[in-house]
Protein backbone atom coordinates (compact mmCIF):
# COMPACT_ATOMS: atom_id res chain seq x y z
CA UNK A 1 36.71 -30.90 321.68
CA UNK A 2 37.70 -30.78 318.01
CA UNK A 3 41.25 -30.41 316.71
CA UNK A 4 40.77 -26.81 315.53
CA UNK A 5 39.58 -25.67 318.96
CA UNK A 6 42.51 -27.38 320.69
CA UNK A 7 44.86 -25.74 318.19
CA UNK A 8 43.38 -22.32 318.96
CA UNK A 9 43.63 -22.91 322.73
CA UNK A 10 47.31 -23.84 322.40
CA UNK A 11 47.90 -20.69 320.32
CA UNK A 12 46.04 -18.71 322.98
CA UNK A 13 48.25 -20.11 325.75
CA UNK A 14 51.32 -19.09 323.73
CA UNK A 15 49.96 -15.57 323.21
CA UNK A 16 48.88 -15.42 326.86
CA UNK A 17 52.43 -16.34 327.95
CA UNK A 18 53.83 -13.32 326.12
CA UNK A 19 51.09 -11.01 327.42
CA UNK A 20 51.66 -12.33 330.95
CA UNK A 21 55.35 -11.40 330.95
CA UNK A 22 54.60 -7.87 329.79
CA UNK A 23 51.59 -7.48 332.09
CA UNK A 24 53.57 -8.49 335.19
CA UNK A 25 56.11 -5.73 334.52
CA UNK A 26 53.32 -3.23 333.92
CA UNK A 27 51.37 -4.14 337.05
CA UNK A 28 54.53 -4.04 339.23
CA UNK A 29 55.40 -0.52 338.06
CA UNK A 30 51.87 0.61 338.85
CA UNK A 31 51.56 -1.27 342.15
CA UNK A 32 54.88 0.02 343.51
CA UNK A 33 55.50 3.28 341.64
CA UNK A 34 51.87 4.22 340.87
CA UNK A 35 52.90 4.69 337.23
CA UNK A 36 50.56 3.88 334.34
CA UNK A 37 53.34 3.46 331.80
CA UNK A 38 52.01 3.70 328.24
CA UNK A 39 55.59 3.28 326.99
CA UNK A 40 55.66 -0.26 328.35
CA UNK A 41 54.70 -1.83 325.02
CA UNK A 42 57.49 0.05 323.26
CA UNK A 43 60.03 -1.16 325.82
CA UNK A 44 58.81 -4.64 324.88
CA UNK A 45 59.54 -3.76 321.25
CA UNK A 46 62.97 -2.47 322.25
CA UNK A 47 63.73 -5.82 323.86
CA UNK A 48 62.82 -7.61 320.62
CA UNK A 49 65.03 -5.32 318.53
CA UNK A 50 67.99 -5.53 320.91
CA UNK A 51 67.69 -9.31 320.65
CA UNK A 52 67.71 -8.92 316.86
CA UNK A 53 70.79 -6.68 317.05
CA UNK A 54 72.79 -9.10 319.20
CA UNK A 55 71.59 -12.18 317.30
CA UNK A 56 72.64 -10.61 313.97
CA UNK A 57 76.27 -10.72 315.13
CA UNK A 58 76.10 -14.51 315.25
CA UNK A 59 75.46 -14.86 318.99
CA UNK A 60 73.11 -17.63 320.13
CA UNK A 61 69.44 -16.52 320.33
CA UNK A 62 69.13 -17.41 324.04
CA UNK A 63 72.21 -15.45 325.01
CA UNK A 64 70.93 -12.65 322.76
CA UNK A 65 67.72 -12.56 324.82
CA UNK A 66 69.69 -12.23 328.06
CA UNK A 67 71.87 -9.42 326.71
CA UNK A 68 68.79 -7.69 325.28
CA UNK A 69 67.16 -7.84 328.73
CA UNK A 70 70.22 -6.10 330.19
CA UNK A 71 69.91 -3.37 327.56
CA UNK A 72 66.18 -2.94 328.14
CA UNK A 73 66.68 -2.70 331.91
CA UNK A 74 69.36 -0.05 331.32
CA UNK A 75 66.92 1.95 329.15
CA UNK A 76 64.23 1.71 331.84
CA UNK A 77 66.65 2.79 334.56
CA UNK A 78 67.68 5.74 332.40
CA UNK A 79 64.04 6.77 332.04
CA UNK A 80 63.69 6.44 335.82
CA UNK A 81 66.70 8.71 336.38
CA UNK A 82 65.77 11.35 333.80
CA UNK A 83 61.98 11.33 334.06
CA UNK A 84 60.12 9.41 336.73
CA UNK A 85 62.27 10.20 339.79
CA UNK A 86 62.16 13.91 338.94
CA UNK A 87 58.40 13.82 338.46
CA UNK A 88 57.93 12.08 341.82
CA UNK A 89 60.19 14.63 343.54
CA UNK A 90 57.94 17.50 342.41
CA UNK A 91 54.81 15.43 343.13
CA UNK A 92 53.55 15.55 339.55
CA UNK A 93 49.96 14.50 338.95
CA UNK A 94 48.98 11.13 337.48
CA UNK A 95 47.87 12.94 334.33
CA UNK A 96 51.38 14.35 333.91
CA UNK A 97 52.86 10.87 334.27
CA UNK A 98 50.51 9.49 331.61
CA UNK A 99 51.29 12.29 329.14
CA UNK A 100 55.05 11.84 329.66
CA UNK A 101 54.75 8.05 329.19
CA UNK A 102 52.89 8.55 325.89
CA UNK A 103 55.64 10.93 324.75
CA UNK A 104 58.28 8.37 325.78
CA UNK A 105 56.42 5.68 323.81
CA UNK A 106 56.48 7.82 320.66
CA UNK A 107 60.18 8.62 321.21
CA UNK A 108 61.09 4.92 321.56
CA UNK A 109 59.01 3.82 318.56
CA UNK A 110 60.39 6.46 316.24
CA UNK A 111 63.92 5.82 317.51
CA UNK A 112 63.51 2.14 316.64
CA UNK A 113 62.26 3.04 313.14
CA UNK A 114 65.21 5.43 312.72
CA UNK A 115 67.81 2.79 313.60
CA UNK A 116 66.22 -0.39 312.23
CA UNK A 117 63.72 0.83 309.64
CA UNK A 118 60.01 0.08 309.44
CA UNK A 119 60.08 -3.28 307.66
CA UNK A 120 59.46 -6.66 309.30
CA UNK A 121 62.57 -8.60 310.34
CA UNK A 122 63.35 -12.10 311.61
CA UNK A 123 65.84 -13.62 314.02
CA UNK A 124 68.63 -15.76 312.64
CA UNK A 125 67.31 -19.09 313.94
CA UNK A 126 66.79 -22.39 312.12
CA UNK A 127 63.24 -23.26 311.10
CA UNK A 128 62.10 -26.25 313.17
CA UNK A 129 59.23 -28.51 312.07
CA UNK A 130 56.01 -28.38 314.09
CA UNK A 131 55.39 -31.19 316.56
CA UNK A 132 52.35 -33.39 315.96
CA UNK A 133 50.31 -34.41 319.02
CA UNK A 134 47.31 -36.52 317.96
CA UNK A 135 46.72 -34.33 314.94
CA UNK A 136 47.42 -31.07 316.76
CA UNK A 137 50.27 -29.16 315.14
CA UNK A 138 52.31 -27.22 317.72
CA UNK A 139 55.28 -25.20 316.45
CA UNK A 140 58.36 -25.83 318.57
CA UNK A 141 58.78 -22.08 319.03
CA UNK A 142 55.34 -21.74 320.64
CA UNK A 143 56.08 -24.67 322.93
CA UNK A 144 59.37 -23.06 323.96
CA UNK A 145 57.61 -19.75 324.61
CA UNK A 146 55.08 -21.46 326.90
CA UNK A 147 57.74 -23.43 328.83
CA UNK A 148 60.03 -20.39 329.24
CA UNK A 149 57.13 -18.21 330.41
CA UNK A 150 56.10 -20.80 333.03
CA UNK A 151 59.68 -21.06 334.32
CA UNK A 152 59.99 -17.26 334.55
CA UNK A 153 56.65 -16.99 336.37
CA UNK A 154 57.74 -19.63 338.91
CA UNK A 155 61.01 -17.75 339.44
CA UNK A 156 59.08 -14.52 339.97
CA UNK A 157 56.83 -16.24 342.52
CA UNK A 158 59.88 -17.44 344.46
CA UNK A 159 61.43 -13.96 344.36
CA UNK A 160 58.28 -12.21 345.62
CA UNK A 161 57.45 -14.72 348.35
CA UNK A 162 60.81 -15.95 349.64
CA UNK A 163 63.40 -13.20 349.23
CA UNK A 164 64.09 -10.06 351.24
CA UNK A 165 63.63 -7.78 348.23
CA UNK A 166 60.35 -9.48 347.32
CA UNK A 167 58.95 -8.90 350.80
CA UNK A 168 60.15 -5.28 350.66
CA UNK A 169 58.40 -4.81 347.31
CA UNK A 170 55.15 -6.12 348.77
CA UNK A 171 55.49 -3.75 351.73
CA UNK A 172 56.10 -0.73 349.46
CA UNK A 173 53.13 -1.71 347.30
CA UNK A 174 50.88 -1.80 350.38
CA UNK A 175 52.01 1.55 351.84
CA UNK A 176 55.15 3.33 350.65
CA UNK A 177 55.25 5.82 353.57
CA UNK A 178 54.85 3.09 356.19
CA UNK A 179 57.52 1.02 354.43
CA UNK A 180 59.93 3.98 354.49
CA UNK A 181 59.48 4.68 358.23
CA UNK A 182 59.87 0.93 358.89
CA UNK A 183 63.42 1.14 357.57
CA UNK A 184 62.88 -0.30 354.10
CA UNK A 185 65.19 1.17 351.45
CA UNK A 186 62.49 2.41 349.04
CA UNK A 187 65.04 3.56 346.46
CA UNK A 188 66.46 0.04 346.29
CA UNK A 189 62.94 -1.37 345.88
CA UNK A 190 62.30 1.05 343.00
CA UNK A 191 65.57 -0.06 341.37
CA UNK A 192 64.64 -3.73 341.65
CA UNK A 193 61.14 -3.02 340.34
CA UNK A 194 62.62 -1.63 337.12
CA UNK A 195 65.11 -4.51 336.88
CA UNK A 196 62.35 -7.12 337.17
CA UNK A 197 59.89 -5.24 334.96
CA UNK A 198 62.54 -4.59 332.31
CA UNK A 199 63.76 -8.19 332.28
CA UNK A 200 60.26 -9.66 331.96
CA UNK A 201 59.17 -7.11 329.37
CA UNK A 202 62.27 -7.64 327.25
CA UNK A 203 61.84 -11.41 327.44
CA UNK A 204 58.21 -11.02 326.35
CA UNK A 205 59.32 -8.96 323.36
CA UNK A 206 62.00 -11.50 322.43
CA UNK A 207 59.46 -14.33 322.61
CA UNK A 208 57.00 -12.36 320.50
CA UNK A 209 59.79 -11.87 317.97
CA UNK A 210 60.36 -15.63 317.93
CA UNK A 211 56.67 -16.32 317.33
CA UNK A 212 56.09 -13.55 314.79
CA UNK A 213 58.04 -11.00 312.78
CA UNK A 214 59.93 -8.25 314.61
CA UNK A 215 58.30 -4.92 313.71
CA UNK A 216 58.29 -1.40 315.21
CA UNK A 217 54.64 -1.39 316.31
CA UNK A 218 54.55 -4.92 317.80
CA UNK A 219 54.50 -3.65 321.38
CA UNK A 220 52.01 -0.88 320.66
CA UNK A 221 49.52 -3.47 319.37
CA UNK A 222 49.94 -5.35 322.66
CA UNK A 223 49.35 -2.35 324.93
CA UNK A 224 45.57 -2.88 325.10
CA UNK A 225 45.82 -6.58 326.06
CA UNK A 226 48.55 -5.62 328.57
CA UNK A 227 46.41 -3.00 330.30
CA UNK A 228 43.35 -5.26 330.06
CA UNK A 229 45.29 -8.01 331.87
CA UNK A 230 46.47 -5.60 334.58
CA UNK A 231 42.98 -4.23 335.21
CA UNK A 232 41.25 -7.59 334.87
CA UNK A 233 43.66 -9.26 337.29
CA UNK A 234 43.44 -6.53 339.92
CA UNK A 235 45.75 -3.54 339.57
CA UNK A 236 49.10 -4.20 341.21
CA UNK A 237 48.57 -7.98 341.50
CA UNK A 238 51.13 -9.89 339.38
CA UNK A 239 49.40 -13.23 339.86
CA UNK A 240 46.08 -11.76 338.80
CA UNK A 241 47.74 -10.20 335.75
CA UNK A 242 49.18 -13.60 334.76
CA UNK A 243 45.82 -15.36 335.09
CA UNK A 244 44.04 -12.56 333.18
CA UNK A 245 46.70 -12.66 330.43
CA UNK A 246 46.04 -16.35 329.78
CA UNK A 247 42.28 -15.75 329.79
CA UNK A 248 42.62 -12.92 327.28
CA UNK A 249 45.09 -14.82 325.10
CA UNK A 250 42.88 -17.91 324.87
CA UNK A 251 39.63 -16.01 324.29
CA UNK A 252 41.28 -13.83 321.62
CA UNK A 253 42.46 -16.88 319.68
CA UNK A 254 39.27 -18.91 320.11
CA UNK A 255 37.19 -15.96 318.86
CA UNK A 256 39.26 -15.64 315.65
CA UNK A 257 37.18 -18.06 313.48
CA UNK A 258 34.00 -16.20 314.46
CA UNK A 259 35.14 -12.56 314.37
CA UNK A 260 38.37 -12.56 312.36
CA UNK A 261 41.87 -11.69 313.53
CA UNK A 262 41.29 -7.94 313.05
CA UNK A 263 38.98 -7.89 316.10
CA UNK A 264 41.40 -9.49 318.59
CA UNK A 265 42.07 -6.16 320.29
CA UNK A 266 38.35 -5.54 320.60
CA UNK A 267 37.88 -8.91 322.30
CA UNK A 268 40.44 -7.98 324.99
CA UNK A 269 38.63 -4.68 325.59
CA UNK A 270 35.21 -6.40 325.68
CA UNK A 271 36.40 -8.95 328.26
CA UNK A 272 37.76 -6.14 330.44
CA UNK A 273 34.54 -4.12 330.24
CA UNK A 274 32.29 -7.12 331.01
CA UNK A 275 34.33 -8.16 334.05
CA UNK A 276 34.59 -4.62 335.39
CA UNK A 277 30.81 -4.25 335.16
CA UNK A 278 30.53 -7.22 337.53
CA UNK A 279 33.72 -6.77 339.58
CA UNK A 280 34.98 -3.16 339.37
CA UNK A 281 38.24 -4.04 341.15
CA UNK A 282 39.03 -6.92 338.77
CA UNK A 283 38.95 -10.67 339.26
CA UNK A 284 41.51 -10.64 342.07
CA UNK A 285 42.50 -8.37 344.92
CA UNK A 286 44.90 -5.60 343.89
CA UNK A 287 48.55 -5.14 345.00
CA UNK A 288 51.19 -7.82 345.36
């Protein structure tokens, strides 16, 4: 395996880490709330810009990420209160949910442009030299992104498998009506779903901002890989979404020398189509 290929694989793992964090939030909201949220990518962008806002005051970048996650969760909970809970109460169709989520995406993106402008921006962090491993140059930022993503994924696994709220979330994902009559507080599960989804999505946006420039359409450009990961991994399955995200991230980067960077989005779509032709339900079983 030559050095260039290894370099591309490492880059793909870094990209896959960011996609995985966003895809987990997206697949949880669908698996539990049955919501295909096209505004998810723009919430990711919001997390990156809130990190930028806090960091610009001189606060440490890691603390800025945590505070940005709190802000993103608050924005998601507000959308739940004003939009999604009302739509569920009147039993709105899935088409209505999709149209509203697209409108919310446009509102968030234009709001970000209004407050922060449309130019690329950077966090106030020192530039660290790339690490050299046997001729493979790995930027310290990409290594941090990979390590942080793995730690967050392990924490998510513990939460879903070993905590009361995690077990309740799995029950609601399987059958919300049965979960309700079994005594599970569905409203609390919905609240925790948004908290987890918002935290992971914001962290993904912050990490993307560390790896690249912070720009208003950064999340929108990720929406196709996010949905591809969710569908590829089995809708509603966070572990499947994580595995699919790494597959998509690596294949996108490895294909760059052959196809060019402008076709990365097309590669994600092609992978999704090819897998669905063979396994219509995705690589893994759906739901948590």
